[in-house]
Amino acid sequence: MKRLDITKDAHGFLKGMQVKQFRQVGQKVFALLADPEPNDAALLRGFDYRRVDIGEFRIIYSFDDETVYVLAIGKRNDDEIYKKFGVK
């Protein structure tokens, strides 16, 4: 199994979530450790990052042979998550 590396911003977003949503997003994050390329993942245009949705939230991440890097977590229909990466 891979190692998890989560940014300070993503960790802070998780800490502010309600319990039910935290559980859903947390399960998806840990599922990425076992399968970092699930069927519902998509490449983020212009970057080597991927995105995956879980309910009303989106997880932006990347991975290598040893680690899954969770770069950002945010609301799915909120463009704020993409502004960190310069995506419009």
C-alpha atoms as a PDB file:
ATOM      1  CA  MET A   1       0.000   0.000   0.000  1.00  0.00           C
ATOM      2  CA  LYS A   2       1.109   3.537  -0.706  1.00  0.00           C
ATOM      3  CA  ARG A   3       1.887   6.285   1.781  1.00  0.00           C
ATOM      4  CA  LEU A   4      -0.378   9.366   2.151  1.00  0.00           C
ATOM      5  CA  ASP A   5       0.944  12.922   1.967  1.00  0.00           C
ATOM      6  CA  ILE A   6      -1.689  15.626   2.464  1.00  0.00           C
ATOM      7  CA  THR A   7      -1.145  19.393   2.203  1.00  0.00           C
ATOM      8  CA  LYS A   8      -1.828  21.751   5.063  1.00  0.00           C
ATOM      9  CA  ASP A   9      -4.723  23.336   3.117  1.00  0.00           C
ATOM     10  CA  ALA A  10      -6.366  19.968   2.421  1.00  0.00           C
ATOM     11  CA  HIS A  11      -5.918  18.924   6.049  1.00  0.00           C
ATOM     12  CA  GLY A  12      -7.484  22.186   7.231  1.00  0.00           C
ATOM     13  CA  PHE A  13     -10.454  21.703   4.912  1.00  0.00           C
ATOM     14  CA  LEU A  14     -10.987  18.191   6.281  1.00  0.00           C
ATOM     15  CA  LYS A  15     -10.858  19.425   9.863  1.00  0.00           C
ATOM     16  CA  GLY A  16     -13.698  21.866   9.168  1.00  0.00           C
ATOM     17  CA  MET A  17     -16.053  19.279   7.680  1.00  0.00           C
ATOM     18  CA  GLN A  18     -19.091  17.751   9.328  1.00  0.00           C
ATOM     19  CA  VAL A  19     -18.642  14.167  10.520  1.00  0.00           C
ATOM     20  CA  LYS A  20     -20.676  12.487   7.754  1.00  0.00           C
ATOM     21  CA  GLN A  21     -18.904  14.398   4.976  1.00  0.00           C
ATOM     22  CA  PHE A  22     -15.514  13.869   6.624  1.00  0.00           C
ATOM     23  CA  ARG A  23     -16.141  10.130   6.675  1.00  0.00           C
ATOM     24  CA  GLN A  24     -17.134  10.061   2.982  1.00  0.00           C
ATOM     25  CA  VAL A  25     -14.159  12.100   1.823  1.00  0.00           C
ATOM     26  CA  GLY A  26     -11.777  10.258   4.146  1.00  0.00           C
ATOM     27  CA  GLN A  27     -12.877   6.893   2.780  1.00  0.00           C
ATOM     28  CA  LYS A  28     -12.265   8.109  -0.778  1.00  0.00           C
ATOM     29  CA  VAL A  29      -8.809   9.428   0.145  1.00  0.00           C
ATOM     30  CA  PHE A  30      -7.856   6.098   1.722  1.00  0.00           C
ATOM     31  CA  ALA A  31      -9.308   4.223  -1.263  1.00  0.00           C
ATOM     32  CA  LEU A  32      -6.829   6.157  -3.439  1.00  0.00           C
ATOM     33  CA  LEU A  33      -4.009   4.496  -1.509  1.00  0.00           C
ATOM     34  CA  ALA A  34      -5.159   1.091  -2.747  1.00  0.00           C
ATOM     35  CA  ASP A  35      -6.150   2.280  -6.249  1.00  0.00           C
ATOM     36  CA  PRO A  36      -4.809   5.717  -7.254  1.00  0.00           C
ATOM     37  CA  GLU A  37      -6.424   5.458 -10.696  1.00  0.00           C
ATOM     38  CA  PRO A  38     -10.104   4.669 -10.061  1.00  0.00           C
ATOM     39  CA  ASN A  39     -12.545   4.710 -12.987  1.00  0.00           C
ATOM     40  CA  ASP A  40     -14.049   8.037 -11.897  1.00  0.00           C
ATOM     41  CA  ALA A  41     -10.704   9.888 -11.791  1.00  0.00           C
ATOM     42  CA  ALA A  42      -9.835  12.410 -14.502  1.00  0.00           C
ATOM     43  CA  LEU A  43      -6.675  14.279 -15.411  1.00  0.00           C
ATOM     44  CA  LEU A  44      -6.681  17.982 -14.617  1.00  0.00           C
ATOM     45  CA  ARG A  45      -6.108  19.804 -17.901  1.00  0.00           C
ATOM     46  CA  GLY A  46      -2.601  21.223 -18.192  1.00  0.00           C
ATOM     47  CA  PHE A  47      -1.289  19.506 -15.047  1.00  0.00           C
ATOM     48  CA  ASP A  48      -0.015  16.139 -13.911  1.00  0.00           C
ATOM     49  CA  TYR A  49      -2.734  16.108 -11.261  1.00  0.00           C
ATOM     50  CA  ARG A  50      -5.911  14.095 -11.111  1.00  0.00           C
ATOM     51  CA  ARG A  51      -9.303  14.885  -9.697  1.00  0.00           C
ATOM     52  CA  VAL A  52     -11.911  12.636  -8.218  1.00  0.00           C
ATOM     53  CA  ASP A  53     -15.367  13.507  -6.915  1.00  0.00           C
ATOM     54  CA  ILE A  54     -17.072  12.233  -3.807  1.00  0.00           C
ATOM     55  CA  GLY A  55     -20.549  13.621  -3.235  1.00  0.00           C
ATOM     56  CA  GLU A  56     -20.378  17.400  -3.339  1.00  0.00           C
ATOM     57  CA  PHE A  57     -16.595  17.457  -2.897  1.00  0.00           C
ATOM     58  CA  ARG A  58     -13.615  17.194  -5.211  1.00  0.00           C
ATOM     59  CA  ILE A  59     -10.165  15.850  -4.355  1.00  0.00           C
ATOM     60  CA  ILE A  60      -7.144  17.024  -6.359  1.00  0.00           C
ATOM     61  CA  TYR A  61      -4.209  14.641  -6.071  1.00  0.00           C
ATOM     62  CA  SER A  62      -1.171  13.094  -7.701  1.00  0.00           C
ATOM     63  CA  PHE A  63       0.753   9.929  -7.024  1.00  0.00           C
ATOM     64  CA  ASP A  64       3.962   8.070  -7.671  1.00  0.00           C
ATOM     65  CA  ASP A  65       5.110   4.514  -6.942  1.00  0.00           C
ATOM     66  CA  GLU A  66       5.221   5.081  -3.187  1.00  0.00           C
ATOM     67  CA  THR A  67       2.949   8.004  -2.267  1.00  0.00           C
ATOM     68  CA  VAL A  68      -0.455   9.558  -2.952  1.00  0.00           C
ATOM     69  CA  TYR A  69      -0.248  13.368  -2.596  1.00  0.00           C
ATOM     70  CA  VAL A  70      -3.562  15.030  -1.728  1.00  0.00           C
ATOM     71  CA  LEU A  71      -3.083  18.616  -2.871  1.00  0.00           C
ATOM     72  CA  ALA A  72      -6.529  20.101  -2.319  1.00  0.00           C
ATOM     73  CA  ILE A  73     -10.043  19.251  -1.248  1.00  0.00           C
ATOM     74  CA  GLY A  74     -12.954  21.573  -1.943  1.00  0.00           C
ATOM     75  CA  LYS A  75     -16.549  21.970  -2.989  1.00  0.00           C
ATOM     76  CA  ARG A  76     -17.237  20.370  -6.342  1.00  0.00           C
ATOM     77  CA  ASN A  77     -19.065  23.276  -7.964  1.00  0.00           C
ATOM     78  CA  ASP A  78     -16.837  25.939  -6.430  1.00  0.00           C
ATOM     79  CA  ASP A  79     -14.031  27.267  -8.622  1.00  0.00           C
ATOM     80  CA  GLU A  80     -11.941  28.188  -5.563  1.00  0.00           C
ATOM     81  CA  ILE A  81     -10.279  24.790  -5.593  1.00  0.00           C
ATOM     82  CA  TYR A  82      -8.950  25.432  -9.102  1.00  0.00           C
ATOM     83  CA  LYS A  83      -7.678  28.959  -8.448  1.00  0.00           C
ATOM     84  CA  LYS A  84      -4.822  27.457  -6.425  1.00  0.00           C
ATOM     85  CA  PHE A  85      -3.611  25.793  -9.631  1.00  0.00           C
ATOM     86  CA  GLY A  86      -4.314  28.658 -12.035  1.00  0.00           C
ATOM     87  CA  VAL A  87      -7.121  26.762 -13.776  1.00  0.00           C
ATOM     88  CA  LYS A  88     -10.172  28.676 -14.980  1.00  0.00           C
END
